[in-house]
Amino acid sequence: MRRILLLDDEQNVLSALKRSFRSIAGSDQLRIDTYTVPQDALLPLRDSAYDFILSDYHMPSMNGIEFLTLAKAMQPDAVRMMLSASAEFKTILGAINEAEAFRYISKPWTQEELADTYHAALQKRDQVLEDRRLADELRVQRGQISPHEEAMRRLEESDPGITKVKWSADGSVMLE
């Protein structure tokens, strides 16, 4: 299943994006999480792996570059994209340089542009994961990491935090 995180402080924009992505994805399994507050959108990044993250630039408490930079630290393999009505060069440059945004989508967008972006983002995500898998296989062959470490990395990619579970002496999971 593909997972997308959408962040915009305007609910109507989120609804339009969600409808658009659902029509583009067709029968693909797709889970879309939407948020209007950046701090709320950061919480699921600790526990759920996303294929791509799309953030608006102008928001009251945190701009999109700040959000995507934090998202990059939490999920470096997720494809990050910026959405904005602003066509300022400084905004676009910041998204690319600071947050390493893959694409910049301007408001209003076209369905064709969004479809191209959706497919390119998923292709990029798949390539990143395949590159990581091949690099880990090579590291195992060279003895740089153990097969156990490789398996743990793959688990962490699909379910962030799963390898960092704290166990009590009786074998139960300790919650913070």
N, C-alpha and C. Protein backbone atom coordinates (compact mmCIF):
# COMPACT_ATOMS: atom_id res chain seq x y z
N MET A 1 0.84 -1.17 0.00
CA MET A 1 0.00 0.00 0.00
C MET A 1 0.89 1.24 0.00
N ARG A 2 0.52 2.20 -0.80
CA ARG A 2 1.23 3.47 -0.87
C ARG A 2 0.67 4.41 0.19
N ARG A 3 1.56 5.22 0.79
CA ARG A 3 1.14 6.18 1.82
C ARG A 3 1.62 7.56 1.44
N ILE A 4 0.71 8.52 1.57
CA ILE A 4 1.01 9.91 1.26
C ILE A 4 0.62 10.75 2.47
N LEU A 5 1.45 11.73 2.79
CA LEU A 5 1.11 12.71 3.82
C LEU A 5 0.95 14.06 3.14
N LEU A 6 -0.21 14.68 3.34
CA LEU A 6 -0.49 16.00 2.78
C LEU A 6 -0.65 17.00 3.91
N LEU A 7 0.00 18.15 3.77
CA LEU A 7 -0.08 19.21 4.78
C LEU A 7 -0.40 20.53 4.12
N ASP A 8 -1.50 21.13 4.54
CA ASP A 8 -1.88 22.47 4.09
C ASP A 8 -2.80 23.04 5.15
N ASP A 9 -2.67 24.31 5.43
CA ASP A 9 -3.50 24.91 6.48
C ASP A 9 -4.93 25.18 6.00
N GLU A 10 -5.20 24.94 4.73
CA GLU A 10 -6.55 25.13 4.19
C GLU A 10 -7.18 23.76 3.91
N GLN A 11 -8.26 23.46 4.63
CA GLN A 11 -8.93 22.16 4.50
C GLN A 11 -9.45 21.92 3.09
N ASN A 12 -9.95 22.96 2.43
CA ASN A 12 -10.48 22.78 1.07
C ASN A 12 -9.38 22.37 0.08
N VAL A 13 -8.16 22.86 0.28
CA VAL A 13 -7.03 22.46 -0.58
C VAL A 13 -6.71 20.99 -0.34
N LEU A 14 -6.70 20.58 0.93
CA LEU A 14 -6.44 19.18 1.26
C LEU A 14 -7.49 18.26 0.64
N SER A 15 -8.75 18.67 0.73
CA SER A 15 -9.82 17.85 0.15
C SER A 15 -9.66 17.72 -1.36
N ALA A 16 -9.31 18.82 -2.02
CA ALA A 16 -9.11 18.79 -3.48
C ALA A 16 -7.92 17.90 -3.85
N LEU A 17 -6.84 18.03 -3.10
CA LEU A 17 -5.66 17.18 -3.36
C LEU A 17 -5.99 15.71 -3.16
N LYS A 18 -6.69 15.42 -2.09
CA LYS A 18 -7.04 14.03 -1.78
C LYS A 18 -7.90 13.43 -2.89
N ARG A 19 -8.92 14.17 -3.34
CA ARG A 19 -9.76 13.70 -4.45
C ARG A 19 -8.92 13.48 -5.70
N SER A 20 -8.04 14.42 -5.98
CA SER A 20 -7.20 14.31 -7.19
C SER A 20 -6.30 13.09 -7.13
N PHE A 21 -5.63 12.88 -6.01
CA PHE A 21 -4.74 11.72 -5.90
C PHE A 21 -5.52 10.41 -5.96
N ARG A 22 -6.69 10.38 -5.38
CA ARG A 22 -7.50 9.15 -5.45
C ARG A 22 -7.90 8.84 -6.90
N SER A 23 -8.25 9.87 -7.66
CA SER A 23 -8.63 9.62 -9.05
C SER A 23 -7.43 9.23 -9.89
N ILE A 24 -6.26 9.75 -9.57
CA ILE A 24 -5.03 9.41 -10.29
C ILE A 24 -4.62 7.97 -9.99
N ALA A 25 -4.68 7.61 -8.71
CA ALA A 25 -4.22 6.28 -8.28
C ALA A 25 -5.11 5.17 -8.78
N GLY A 26 -6.37 5.47 -9.05
CA GLY A 26 -7.29 4.45 -9.53
C GLY A 26 -7.47 3.33 -8.54
N SER A 27 -7.19 2.11 -8.97
CA SER A 27 -7.41 0.95 -8.11
C SER A 27 -6.22 0.66 -7.19
N ASP A 28 -5.15 1.45 -7.32
CA ASP A 28 -3.99 1.25 -6.43
C ASP A 28 -4.44 1.41 -4.99
N GLN A 29 -3.83 0.62 -4.13
CA GLN A 29 -4.08 0.80 -2.70
C GLN A 29 -3.34 2.06 -2.29
N LEU A 30 -4.08 3.01 -1.72
CA LEU A 30 -3.51 4.30 -1.38
C LEU A 30 -4.09 4.78 -0.07
N ARG A 31 -3.20 5.14 0.85
CA ARG A 31 -3.64 5.74 2.10
C ARG A 31 -3.12 7.17 2.12
N ILE A 32 -4.04 8.11 2.29
CA ILE A 32 -3.68 9.52 2.31
C ILE A 32 -4.03 10.09 3.67
N ASP A 33 -3.00 10.58 4.37
CA ASP A 33 -3.20 11.24 5.66
C ASP A 33 -3.09 12.74 5.43
N THR A 34 -4.08 13.49 5.91
CA THR A 34 -4.09 14.94 5.72
C THR A 34 -4.02 15.65 7.06
N TYR A 35 -3.31 16.78 7.05
CA TYR A 35 -3.12 17.58 8.27
C TYR A 35 -3.17 19.05 7.92
N THR A 36 -3.72 19.83 8.84
CA THR A 36 -3.77 21.28 8.67
C THR A 36 -2.76 21.99 9.58
N VAL A 37 -2.17 21.26 10.52
CA VAL A 37 -1.21 21.83 11.47
C VAL A 37 0.11 21.06 11.36
N PRO A 38 1.22 21.75 11.07
CA PRO A 38 2.50 21.06 10.89
C PRO A 38 2.91 20.19 12.08
N GLN A 39 2.70 20.65 13.29
CA GLN A 39 3.09 19.88 14.46
C GLN A 39 2.33 18.55 14.53
N ASP A 40 1.06 18.57 14.12
CA ASP A 40 0.27 17.33 14.09
C ASP A 40 0.79 16.38 13.00
N ALA A 41 1.25 16.94 11.90
CA ALA A 41 1.74 16.13 10.79
C ALA A 41 3.08 15.48 11.11
N LEU A 42 3.83 16.04 12.04
CA LEU A 42 5.12 15.45 12.42
C LEU A 42 4.96 14.16 13.22
N LEU A 43 3.88 14.07 13.99
CA LEU A 43 3.69 12.90 14.87
C LEU A 43 3.67 11.57 14.13
N PRO A 44 2.89 11.42 13.06
CA PRO A 44 2.87 10.10 12.40
C PRO A 44 4.17 9.76 11.67
N LEU A 45 5.02 10.75 11.44
CA LEU A 45 6.29 10.46 10.76
C LEU A 45 7.20 9.59 11.61
N ARG A 46 6.97 9.57 12.92
CA ARG A 46 7.78 8.72 13.81
C ARG A 46 7.40 7.26 13.69
N ASP A 47 6.13 6.98 13.32
CA ASP A 47 5.62 5.62 13.38
C ASP A 47 5.27 4.99 12.04
N SER A 48 5.06 5.79 11.02
CA SER A 48 4.57 5.28 9.74
C SER A 48 5.48 5.73 8.60
N ALA A 49 5.82 4.81 7.72
CA ALA A 49 6.65 5.14 6.57
C ALA A 49 5.77 5.71 5.46
N TYR A 50 6.17 6.82 4.90
CA TYR A 50 5.43 7.46 3.81
C TYR A 50 6.23 7.38 2.53
N ASP A 51 5.51 7.19 1.42
CA ASP A 51 6.16 7.20 0.12
C ASP A 51 6.51 8.63 -0.27
N PHE A 52 5.56 9.55 -0.06
CA PHE A 52 5.90 10.94 -0.27
C PHE A 52 5.09 11.86 0.62
N ILE A 53 5.69 13.04 0.81
CA ILE A 53 5.15 14.06 1.70
C ILE A 53 5.03 15.34 0.89
N LEU A 54 3.83 15.91 0.89
CA LEU A 54 3.57 17.15 0.15
C LEU A 54 3.13 18.21 1.15
N SER A 55 3.86 19.32 1.19
CA SER A 55 3.56 20.37 2.16
C SER A 55 3.37 21.71 1.46
N ASP A 56 2.40 22.46 1.96
CA ASP A 56 2.22 23.85 1.53
C ASP A 56 3.37 24.66 2.09
N TYR A 57 3.68 25.79 1.46
CA TYR A 57 4.74 26.63 1.97
C TYR A 57 4.24 27.57 3.06
N HIS A 58 3.19 28.34 2.77
CA HIS A 58 2.71 29.36 3.70
C HIS A 58 1.73 28.77 4.70
N MET A 59 2.17 28.68 5.97
CA MET A 59 1.31 28.22 7.05
C MET A 59 1.61 29.08 8.28
N PRO A 60 0.65 29.23 9.17
CA PRO A 60 0.83 30.15 10.30
C PRO A 60 1.97 29.82 11.26
N SER A 61 2.13 28.56 11.65
CA SER A 61 3.08 28.25 12.72
C SER A 61 4.46 27.81 12.23
N MET A 62 4.55 27.33 11.01
CA MET A 62 5.81 26.80 10.48
C MET A 62 5.69 26.80 8.96
N ASN A 63 6.72 27.25 8.27
CA ASN A 63 6.60 27.22 6.81
C ASN A 63 6.94 25.82 6.27
N GLY A 64 6.64 25.60 5.03
CA GLY A 64 6.81 24.29 4.43
C GLY A 64 8.25 23.83 4.37
N ILE A 65 9.19 24.76 4.20
CA ILE A 65 10.60 24.37 4.17
C ILE A 65 11.02 23.84 5.53
N GLU A 66 10.62 24.52 6.59
CA GLU A 66 10.94 24.05 7.95
C GLU A 66 10.33 22.67 8.19
N PHE A 67 9.06 22.51 7.79
CA PHE A 67 8.40 21.21 7.98
C PHE A 67 9.10 20.11 7.20
N LEU A 68 9.36 20.35 5.93
CA LEU A 68 9.99 19.31 5.10
C LEU A 68 11.41 18.99 5.56
N THR A 69 12.11 19.97 6.12
CA THR A 69 13.44 19.72 6.66
C THR A 69 13.35 18.78 7.86
N LEU A 70 12.37 19.00 8.74
CA LEU A 70 12.16 18.10 9.87
C LEU A 70 11.72 16.71 9.38
N ALA A 71 10.85 16.69 8.37
CA ALA A 71 10.39 15.41 7.81
C ALA A 71 11.55 14.63 7.21
N LYS A 72 12.47 15.35 6.57
CA LYS A 72 13.65 14.72 5.98
C LYS A 72 14.50 14.04 7.05
N ALA A 73 14.65 14.68 8.19
CA ALA A 73 15.43 14.09 9.28
C ALA A 73 14.76 12.84 9.83
N MET A 74 13.42 12.82 9.83
CA MET A 74 12.68 11.68 10.38
C MET A 74 12.53 10.55 9.36
N GLN A 75 12.34 10.92 8.10
CA GLN A 75 12.15 9.92 7.04
C GLN A 75 12.94 10.34 5.80
N PRO A 76 14.24 10.09 5.82
CA PRO A 76 15.07 10.55 4.71
C PRO A 76 14.74 9.93 3.35
N ASP A 77 14.09 8.76 3.35
CA ASP A 77 13.78 8.11 2.08
C ASP A 77 12.44 8.53 1.49
N ALA A 78 11.63 9.24 2.25
CA ALA A 78 10.35 9.72 1.72
C ALA A 78 10.63 10.85 0.72
N VAL A 79 9.91 10.84 -0.37
CA VAL A 79 10.06 11.90 -1.37
C VAL A 79 9.30 13.12 -0.85
N ARG A 80 9.98 14.26 -0.85
CA ARG A 80 9.39 15.50 -0.32
C ARG A 80 9.09 16.46 -1.46
N MET A 81 7.90 17.10 -1.35
CA MET A 81 7.48 18.06 -2.37
C MET A 81 6.85 19.27 -1.71
N MET A 82 6.98 20.42 -2.38
CA MET A 82 6.45 21.69 -1.89
C MET A 82 5.30 22.14 -2.78
N LEU A 83 4.28 22.68 -2.13
CA LEU A 83 3.11 23.22 -2.82
C LEU A 83 2.96 24.67 -2.39
N SER A 84 2.81 25.58 -3.35
CA SER A 84 2.68 26.98 -2.97
C SER A 84 2.10 27.81 -4.10
N ALA A 85 1.40 28.86 -3.70
CA ALA A 85 0.90 29.83 -4.67
C ALA A 85 2.01 30.83 -5.01
N SER A 86 3.05 30.85 -4.21
CA SER A 86 4.17 31.77 -4.41
C SER A 86 5.09 31.23 -5.48
N ALA A 87 5.50 32.11 -6.36
CA ALA A 87 6.46 31.71 -7.38
C ALA A 87 7.79 32.40 -7.14
N GLU A 88 8.01 32.82 -5.89
CA GLU A 88 9.27 33.49 -5.54
C GLU A 88 10.43 32.52 -5.69
N PHE A 89 11.46 32.99 -6.33
CA PHE A 89 12.66 32.17 -6.53
C PHE A 89 13.25 31.73 -5.20
N LYS A 90 13.24 32.61 -4.20
CA LYS A 90 13.81 32.30 -2.89
C LYS A 90 13.08 31.12 -2.23
N THR A 91 11.76 31.08 -2.38
CA THR A 91 10.96 29.99 -1.81
C THR A 91 11.30 28.67 -2.49
N ILE A 92 11.35 28.69 -3.80
CA ILE A 92 11.66 27.48 -4.56
C ILE A 92 13.07 27.00 -4.24
N LEU A 93 14.01 27.92 -4.21
CA LEU A 93 15.40 27.57 -3.91
C LEU A 93 15.53 26.98 -2.51
N GLY A 94 14.83 27.55 -1.54
CA GLY A 94 14.86 27.04 -0.18
C GLY A 94 14.31 25.63 -0.10
N ALA A 95 13.23 25.39 -0.83
CA ALA A 95 12.62 24.05 -0.83
C ALA A 95 13.60 23.02 -1.39
N ILE A 96 14.30 23.40 -2.40
CA ILE A 96 15.25 22.47 -3.03
C ILE A 96 16.51 22.29 -2.18
N ASN A 97 17.09 23.41 -1.75
CA ASN A 97 18.37 23.33 -1.03
C ASN A 97 18.26 22.85 0.41
N GLU A 98 17.28 23.35 1.14
CA GLU A 98 17.18 23.02 2.56
C GLU A 98 16.43 21.71 2.81
N ALA A 99 15.30 21.55 2.14
CA ALA A 99 14.46 20.38 2.40
C ALA A 99 14.67 19.28 1.36
N GLU A 100 15.50 19.54 0.36
CA GLU A 100 15.74 18.61 -0.73
C GLU A 100 14.43 18.14 -1.36
N ALA A 101 13.59 19.12 -1.67
CA ALA A 101 12.30 18.82 -2.30
C ALA A 101 12.53 18.26 -3.69
N PHE A 102 11.77 17.25 -4.01
CA PHE A 102 11.85 16.59 -5.32
C PHE A 102 11.14 17.40 -6.39
N ARG A 103 10.01 17.96 -6.04
CA ARG A 103 9.22 18.77 -6.97
C ARG A 103 8.62 19.97 -6.24
N TYR A 104 8.34 21.00 -7.02
CA TYR A 104 7.66 22.19 -6.54
C TYR A 104 6.38 22.30 -7.37
N ILE A 105 5.24 22.24 -6.71
CA ILE A 105 3.96 22.30 -7.41
C ILE A 105 3.32 23.65 -7.10
N SER A 106 2.93 24.35 -8.15
CA SER A 106 2.34 25.67 -7.93
C SER A 106 0.82 25.55 -7.84
N LYS A 107 0.24 26.42 -7.01
CA LYS A 107 -1.21 26.53 -6.92
C LYS A 107 -1.63 27.60 -7.92
N PRO A 108 -2.67 27.42 -8.66
CA PRO A 108 -3.43 26.18 -8.81
C PRO A 108 -2.67 25.19 -9.69
N TRP A 109 -2.89 23.92 -9.43
CA TRP A 109 -2.25 22.86 -10.20
C TRP A 109 -3.24 22.33 -11.22
N THR A 110 -2.72 21.60 -12.19
CA THR A 110 -3.59 20.91 -13.14
C THR A 110 -3.59 19.42 -12.78
N GLN A 111 -4.63 18.74 -13.16
CA GLN A 111 -4.72 17.30 -12.88
C GLN A 111 -3.58 16.55 -13.58
N GLU A 112 -3.25 16.98 -14.78
CA GLU A 112 -2.16 16.33 -15.52
C GLU A 112 -0.82 16.52 -14.80
N GLU A 113 -0.57 17.74 -14.31
CA GLU A 113 0.67 18.02 -13.58
C GLU A 113 0.73 17.18 -12.30
N LEU A 114 -0.39 17.08 -11.60
CA LEU A 114 -0.42 16.30 -10.37
C LEU A 114 -0.21 14.81 -10.66
N ALA A 115 -0.79 14.33 -11.74
CA ALA A 115 -0.62 12.91 -12.11
C ALA A 115 0.84 12.62 -12.44
N ASP A 116 1.46 13.50 -13.22
CA ASP A 116 2.87 13.32 -13.56
C ASP A 116 3.74 13.32 -12.30
N THR A 117 3.43 14.24 -11.39
CA THR A 117 4.18 14.35 -10.14
C THR A 117 3.99 13.11 -9.28
N TYR A 118 2.76 12.62 -9.18
CA TYR A 118 2.45 11.43 -8.40
C TYR A 118 3.27 10.23 -8.90
N HIS A 119 3.23 9.99 -10.20
CA HIS A 119 3.94 8.85 -10.77
C HIS A 119 5.46 9.00 -10.65
N ALA A 120 5.96 10.22 -10.85
CA ALA A 120 7.40 10.46 -10.72
C ALA A 120 7.85 10.27 -9.28
N ALA A 121 7.04 10.72 -8.32
CA ALA A 121 7.39 10.58 -6.90
C ALA A 121 7.45 9.11 -6.49
N LEU A 122 6.47 8.33 -6.94
CA LEU A 122 6.48 6.90 -6.60
C LEU A 122 7.65 6.18 -7.26
N GLN A 123 7.95 6.56 -8.48
CA GLN A 123 9.10 5.97 -9.17
C GLN A 123 10.39 6.32 -8.44
N LYS A 124 10.52 7.56 -8.00
CA LYS A 124 11.70 8.00 -7.25
C LYS A 124 11.81 7.22 -5.93
N ARG A 125 10.70 7.09 -5.22
CA ARG A 125 10.69 6.36 -3.95
C ARG A 125 11.12 4.91 -4.16
N ASP A 126 10.57 4.25 -5.17
CA ASP A 126 10.93 2.87 -5.46
C ASP A 126 12.42 2.74 -5.79
N GLN A 127 12.95 3.71 -6.53
CA GLN A 127 14.37 3.68 -6.89
C GLN A 127 15.25 3.86 -5.67
N VAL A 128 14.87 4.75 -4.77
CA VAL A 128 15.64 4.97 -3.53
C VAL A 128 15.67 3.69 -2.71
N LEU A 129 14.53 3.04 -2.56
CA LEU A 129 14.47 1.81 -1.76
C LEU A 129 15.25 0.68 -2.42
N GLU A 130 15.18 0.58 -3.74
CA GLU A 130 15.93 -0.46 -4.45
C GLU A 130 17.43 -0.21 -4.34
N ASP A 131 17.85 1.04 -4.47
CA ASP A 131 19.27 1.38 -4.32
C ASP A 131 19.76 1.02 -2.92
N ARG A 132 18.95 1.31 -1.92
CA ARG A 132 19.33 0.99 -0.53
C ARG A 132 19.44 -0.53 -0.35
N ARG A 133 18.48 -1.27 -0.91
CA ARG A 133 18.49 -2.73 -0.79
C ARG A 133 19.75 -3.31 -1.43
N LEU A 134 20.08 -2.85 -2.63
CA LEU A 134 21.26 -3.35 -3.33
C LEU A 134 22.55 -2.98 -2.59
N ALA A 135 22.61 -1.77 -2.05
CA ALA A 135 23.79 -1.35 -1.29
C ALA A 135 23.95 -2.21 -0.04
N ASP A 136 22.83 -2.51 0.63
CA ASP A 136 22.89 -3.36 1.82
C ASP A 136 23.33 -4.78 1.46
N GLU A 137 22.85 -5.31 0.35
CA GLU A 137 23.28 -6.64 -0.09
C GLU A 137 24.79 -6.67 -0.32
N LEU A 138 25.29 -5.62 -0.94
CA LEU A 138 26.73 -5.53 -1.20
C LEU A 138 27.50 -5.44 0.12
N ARG A 139 26.98 -4.67 1.06
CA ARG A 139 27.64 -4.56 2.37
C ARG A 139 27.68 -5.91 3.09
N VAL A 140 26.61 -6.70 2.96
CA VAL A 140 26.57 -8.03 3.57
C VAL A 140 27.62 -8.92 2.90
N GLN A 141 27.69 -8.89 1.58
CA GLN A 141 28.67 -9.69 0.85
C GLN A 141 30.10 -9.33 1.23
N ARG A 142 30.34 -8.06 1.48
CA ARG A 142 31.69 -7.61 1.84
C ARG A 142 31.98 -7.76 3.34
N GLY A 143 30.96 -8.17 4.09
CA GLY A 143 31.15 -8.35 5.52
C GLY A 143 31.10 -7.05 6.32
N GLN A 144 30.62 -5.97 5.70
CA GLN A 144 30.55 -4.68 6.39
C GLN A 144 29.37 -4.62 7.36
N ILE A 145 28.31 -5.35 7.03
CA ILE A 145 27.18 -5.48 7.95
C ILE A 145 26.73 -6.94 7.94
N SER A 146 26.05 -7.33 8.99
CA SER A 146 25.58 -8.71 9.08
C SER A 146 24.22 -8.84 8.40
N PRO A 147 23.83 -10.06 8.03
CA PRO A 147 22.49 -10.26 7.47
C PRO A 147 21.40 -9.78 8.44
N HIS A 148 21.67 -9.92 9.74
CA HIS A 148 20.71 -9.45 10.75
C HIS A 148 20.54 -7.93 10.67
N GLU A 149 21.65 -7.21 10.54
CA GLU A 149 21.57 -5.75 10.41
C GLU A 149 20.81 -5.33 9.16
N GLU A 150 21.03 -6.06 8.07
CA GLU A 150 20.31 -5.76 6.83
C GLU A 150 18.81 -5.95 7.02
N ALA A 151 18.43 -7.03 7.66
CA ALA A 151 17.00 -7.30 7.91
C ALA A 151 16.41 -6.22 8.82
N MET A 152 17.16 -5.79 9.82
CA MET A 152 16.69 -4.75 10.72
C MET A 152 16.49 -3.43 9.97
N ARG A 153 17.37 -3.11 9.05
CA ARG A 153 17.23 -1.89 8.25
C ARG A 153 15.96 -1.94 7.40
N ARG A 154 15.71 -3.08 6.79
CA ARG A 154 14.50 -3.21 5.96
C ARG A 154 13.24 -3.09 6.81
N LEU A 155 13.25 -3.68 8.00
CA LEU A 155 12.13 -3.54 8.92
C LEU A 155 11.90 -2.08 9.30
N GLU A 156 12.97 -1.38 9.59
CA GLU A 156 12.88 0.03 9.99
C GLU A 156 12.35 0.90 8.85
N GLU A 157 12.71 0.56 7.61
CA GLU A 157 12.20 1.30 6.45
C GLU A 157 10.69 1.19 6.35
N SER A 158 10.17 -0.02 6.54
CA SER A 158 8.73 -0.22 6.37
C SER A 158 7.93 0.21 7.58
N ASP A 159 8.50 0.10 8.77
CA ASP A 159 7.80 0.48 10.01
C ASP A 159 8.76 1.22 10.92
N PRO A 160 8.91 2.54 10.72
CA PRO A 160 9.86 3.30 11.54
C PRO A 160 9.62 3.09 13.04
N GLY A 161 10.71 2.86 13.75
CA GLY A 161 10.64 2.71 15.20
C GLY A 161 10.46 1.28 15.67
N ILE A 162 10.17 0.35 14.77
CA ILE A 162 9.87 -1.02 15.17
C ILE A 162 11.10 -1.72 15.78
N THR A 163 12.28 -1.31 15.37
CA THR A 163 13.48 -1.96 15.89
C THR A 163 13.97 -1.32 17.19
N LYS A 164 13.27 -0.30 17.63
CA LYS A 164 13.68 0.41 18.84
C LYS A 164 12.69 0.19 19.99
N VAL A 165 12.04 -0.94 20.01
CA VAL A 165 11.07 -1.27 21.04
C VAL A 165 11.81 -1.55 22.34
N LYS A 166 11.29 -1.01 23.44
CA LYS A 166 11.88 -1.26 24.76
C LYS A 166 11.11 -2.38 25.43
N TRP A 167 11.85 -3.39 25.91
CA TRP A 167 11.25 -4.56 26.54
C TRP A 167 11.52 -4.54 28.04
N SER A 168 10.56 -4.98 28.80
CA SER A 168 10.77 -5.10 30.25
C SER A 168 11.36 -6.48 30.54
N ALA A 169 11.73 -6.71 31.77
CA ALA A 169 12.35 -7.98 32.18
C ALA A 169 11.42 -9.17 31.95
N ASP A 170 10.09 -8.94 32.05
CA ASP A 170 9.14 -10.05 31.87
C ASP A 170 8.76 -10.27 30.40
N GLY A 171 9.38 -9.50 29.47
CA GLY A 171 9.11 -9.69 28.06
C GLY A 171 8.00 -8.83 27.48
N SER A 172 7.40 -7.99 28.28
CA SER A 172 6.35 -7.11 27.77
C SER A 172 6.97 -5.85 27.18
N VAL A 173 6.22 -5.19 26.31
CA VAL A 173 6.67 -3.95 25.66
C VAL A 173 6.45 -2.79 26.61
N MET A 174 7.47 -1.96 26.77
CA MET A 174 7.35 -0.79 27.63
C MET A 174 6.98 0.41 26.78
N LEU A 175 5.92 1.11 27.15
CA LEU A 175 5.47 2.30 26.45
C LEU A 175 5.98 3.53 27.18
N GLU A 176 6.33 4.54 26.40
CA GLU A 176 6.82 5.78 27.03
C GLU A 176 5.67 6.68 27.40
